[in-house]
Amino acid sequence: MKTLKALAAVTMLAASPAPADDETAGLEKAILQDIIQNTKVSVEPLKDAALAKCFAVPMHRATITTKDGSGSMQRKAIYAKTGDGLQKVTDPGTDAEIAGLADMVNPAFALKTDADGETMMAAFKAIFPRQFDDKVEPRVVRDGTKWEFIADKFFKKFSGFEVTTDAAGKISSIKRSLDIAGEDG
């Protein structure tokens, strides 16, 4: 019976949060509340004919401003309104798939012609304006089912977006690429 009481006491101690955990949780909650009170979010729809043609979901630019002392910090993010709710459209800083973006492509849109490539380039400019450098002429390079959208330079190589399609031009992958072959133009 003594062992059972000791085991019950240990179990109750393990199950109840330690005072330090309660204090930490309280601090986290207070800090989160402070951030919420000092943060303003404004949203504007991205209205671009190329976006409407290439993507089946509405996209919005959020400007998030957080007051900090006597100043403030501001960042921008793109969100898509999908059937599953809001999804942030990530802007990878390195070679990587842009999570979920290929799933947002308009089923009626296909990359088959140079004009389709120019339309997709305009859509990328609307979503990722910071990825385009005024010193680099944006252009599309096609090699079979692989489309490269040159937007800027990363060191001495071109960078931009790489899109893979099937033979009919249906998009299966959209990636950020920091290593696109191309000639200066």
Protein backbone atom coordinates (compact mmCIF):
# COMPACT_ATOMS: atom_id res chain seq x y z
CA MET A 1 0.00 0.00 0.00
CA LYS A 2 2.93 2.33 0.79
CA THR A 3 4.27 1.77 -2.74
CA LEU A 4 0.87 2.55 -4.25
CA LYS A 5 0.66 5.85 -2.31
CA ALA A 6 4.18 6.80 -3.42
CA LEU A 7 3.36 5.92 -7.02
CA ALA A 8 0.16 8.00 -6.87
CA ALA A 9 2.09 10.98 -5.44
CA VAL A 10 4.75 10.75 -8.17
CA THR A 11 2.06 10.48 -10.84
CA MET A 12 0.26 13.59 -9.54
CA LEU A 13 3.52 15.54 -9.45
CA ALA A 14 4.39 14.50 -12.98
CA ALA A 15 0.90 15.36 -14.27
CA SER A 16 0.70 18.82 -12.70
CA PRO A 17 2.76 21.55 -14.33
CA ALA A 18 5.67 22.87 -12.36
CA PRO A 19 5.37 26.47 -11.14
CA ALA A 20 8.12 27.50 -13.58
CA ASP A 21 6.08 26.05 -16.46
CA ASP A 22 3.02 28.02 -15.32
CA GLU A 23 5.10 31.17 -15.12
CA THR A 24 6.60 30.57 -18.58
CA ALA A 25 3.17 29.88 -20.08
CA GLY A 26 1.84 33.07 -18.49
CA LEU A 27 4.75 35.11 -19.85
CA GLU A 28 4.30 33.64 -23.33
CA LYS A 29 0.60 34.49 -23.25
CA ALA A 30 1.31 38.07 -22.10
CA ILE A 31 3.98 38.57 -24.77
CA LEU A 32 1.69 37.21 -27.48
CA GLN A 33 -1.06 39.57 -26.32
CA ASP A 34 1.41 42.49 -26.47
CA ILE A 35 2.38 41.55 -30.04
CA ILE A 36 -1.27 41.32 -31.08
CA GLN A 37 -2.08 44.72 -29.53
CA ASN A 38 0.88 46.34 -31.29
CA THR A 39 0.39 44.76 -34.71
CA LYS A 40 -1.71 46.12 -37.56
CA VAL A 41 -2.52 44.10 -40.67
CA SER A 42 -3.81 45.61 -43.90
CA VAL A 43 -4.77 43.52 -46.90
CA GLU A 44 -5.11 44.41 -50.56
CA PRO A 45 -6.21 42.07 -53.34
CA LEU A 46 -3.71 41.46 -56.12
CA LYS A 47 -5.53 42.51 -59.27
CA ASP A 48 -3.67 41.43 -62.34
CA ALA A 49 -5.10 39.86 -65.50
CA ALA A 50 -2.17 37.41 -65.66
CA LEU A 51 -2.88 36.20 -62.11
CA ALA A 52 -6.53 35.60 -62.93
CA LYS A 53 -5.56 33.65 -66.05
CA CYS A 54 -2.80 31.54 -64.44
CA PHE A 55 -4.17 30.90 -60.95
CA ALA A 56 -7.57 29.66 -59.79
CA VAL A 57 -7.43 31.34 -56.39
CA PRO A 58 -7.56 35.00 -55.38
CA MET A 59 -4.31 36.32 -53.92
CA HIS A 60 -3.80 39.15 -51.46
CA ARG A 61 -0.82 41.16 -50.26
CA ALA A 62 -0.76 41.60 -46.50
CA THR A 63 1.23 44.43 -44.95
CA ILE A 64 2.03 43.57 -41.34
CA THR A 65 3.23 46.46 -39.18
CA THR A 66 4.41 45.88 -35.62
CA LYS A 67 5.09 48.83 -33.30
CA ASP A 68 8.29 48.47 -31.33
CA GLY A 69 9.15 51.24 -28.90
CA SER A 70 9.24 54.51 -30.83
CA GLY A 71 9.46 52.83 -34.24
CA SER A 72 7.85 50.03 -36.15
CA MET A 73 8.75 47.03 -38.26
CA GLN A 74 6.94 46.24 -41.50
CA ARG A 75 6.86 43.15 -43.67
CA LYS A 76 4.78 42.04 -46.60
CA ALA A 77 3.43 38.59 -47.38
CA ILE A 78 1.24 37.05 -50.05
CA TYR A 79 -1.73 34.91 -49.09
CA ALA A 80 -3.98 32.85 -51.34
CA LYS A 81 -7.58 32.14 -50.47
CA THR A 82 -7.96 28.42 -51.22
CA GLY A 83 -10.75 25.96 -50.56
CA ASP A 84 -8.88 24.99 -47.39
CA GLY A 85 -8.67 28.58 -46.10
CA LEU A 86 -5.78 31.03 -46.30
CA GLN A 87 -2.42 29.74 -47.43
CA LYS A 88 0.75 31.81 -47.29
CA VAL A 89 2.62 31.82 -50.59
CA THR A 90 6.22 31.39 -49.53
CA ASP A 91 9.08 33.17 -51.20
CA PRO A 92 11.98 30.74 -50.84
CA GLY A 93 15.39 32.33 -50.69
CA THR A 94 17.06 29.31 -52.24
CA ASP A 95 16.42 26.54 -54.77
CA ALA A 96 13.16 25.07 -53.54
CA GLU A 97 9.64 24.14 -54.52
CA ILE A 98 7.22 26.97 -53.79
CA ALA A 99 4.92 25.03 -51.48
CA GLY A 100 1.39 24.61 -52.80
CA LEU A 101 1.71 27.09 -55.70
CA ALA A 102 1.41 24.47 -58.46
CA ASP A 103 -1.83 23.27 -56.82
CA MET A 104 -3.27 26.79 -57.19
CA VAL A 105 -2.81 26.92 -60.97
CA ASN A 106 -5.99 27.44 -62.96
CA PRO A 107 -6.90 24.03 -64.46
CA ALA A 108 -7.76 25.81 -67.74
CA PHE A 109 -4.24 27.29 -68.01
CA ALA A 110 -1.42 25.46 -69.77
CA LEU A 111 2.11 26.51 -70.70
CA LYS A 112 2.28 25.73 -74.41
CA THR A 113 3.24 28.91 -76.25
CA ASP A 114 5.56 31.87 -75.83
CA ALA A 115 2.48 33.97 -75.05
CA ASP A 116 1.58 31.55 -72.22
CA GLY A 117 5.13 31.96 -70.89
CA GLU A 118 4.83 35.75 -70.94
CA THR A 119 1.52 35.52 -69.09
CA MET A 120 3.09 33.32 -66.41
CA MET A 121 6.04 35.74 -66.15
CA ALA A 122 3.59 38.60 -65.51
CA ALA A 123 1.88 36.51 -62.82
CA PHE A 124 5.24 35.86 -61.13
CA LYS A 125 5.96 39.61 -61.20
CA ALA A 126 2.64 40.27 -59.45
CA ILE A 127 3.28 37.67 -56.73
CA PHE A 128 7.04 38.10 -56.25
CA PRO A 129 7.95 41.68 -57.26
CA ARG A 130 11.09 41.70 -55.07
CA GLN A 131 12.56 38.83 -57.10
CA PHE A 132 12.76 40.97 -60.24
CA ASP A 133 15.84 43.13 -60.85
CA ASP A 134 15.51 46.16 -63.14
CA LYS A 135 19.06 45.49 -64.39
CA VAL A 136 18.08 42.07 -65.78
CA GLU A 137 15.74 41.74 -68.74
CA PRO A 138 13.06 39.24 -67.71
CA ARG A 139 12.72 36.42 -70.21
CA VAL A 140 11.48 32.90 -70.63
CA VAL A 141 13.66 29.97 -71.69
CA ARG A 142 11.97 26.73 -72.67
CA ASP A 143 13.49 23.28 -72.97
CA GLY A 144 10.78 20.72 -73.66
CA THR A 145 8.58 20.56 -70.56
CA LYS A 146 10.95 22.68 -68.46
CA TRP A 147 10.31 26.43 -68.47
CA GLU A 148 12.75 28.87 -66.85
CA PHE A 149 11.66 32.40 -66.02
CA ILE A 150 14.72 34.64 -65.65
CA ALA A 151 14.06 37.46 -63.20
CA ASP A 152 17.37 38.50 -61.68
CA LYS A 153 20.96 37.43 -61.01
CA PHE A 154 22.40 35.55 -58.08
CA PHE A 155 26.12 36.21 -58.08
CA LYS A 156 27.05 35.56 -61.74
CA LYS A 157 24.16 33.23 -62.59
CA PHE A 158 20.60 34.01 -63.51
CA SER A 159 17.84 33.24 -61.05
CA GLY A 160 14.09 33.19 -61.16
CA PHE A 161 11.52 30.44 -61.43
CA GLU A 162 11.53 26.95 -62.90
CA VAL A 163 8.24 25.41 -63.99
CA THR A 164 7.78 21.80 -65.06
CA THR A 165 4.82 20.73 -67.19
CA ASP A 166 3.54 17.56 -68.77
CA ALA A 167 3.43 17.17 -72.57
CA ALA A 168 0.06 18.99 -72.69
CA GLY A 169 1.46 22.00 -70.80
CA LYS A 170 -0.24 21.29 -67.45
CA ILE A 171 1.95 22.59 -64.63
CA SER A 172 3.19 20.02 -62.12
CA SER A 173 5.94 21.95 -60.31
CA ILE A 174 6.91 25.57 -59.59
CA LYS A 175 10.31 26.18 -58.01
CA ARG A 176 12.55 29.10 -57.15
CA SER A 177 15.90 28.63 -58.89
CA LEU A 178 19.19 30.41 -58.23
CA ASP A 179 20.97 28.66 -61.09
CA ILE A 180 19.35 29.29 -64.47
CA ALA A 181 21.42 28.97 -67.61
CA GLY A 182 21.06 31.83 -70.03
CA GLU A 183 22.97 34.40 -71.97
CA ASP A 184 23.17 38.07 -71.01
CA GLY A 185 20.63 39.87 -73.07
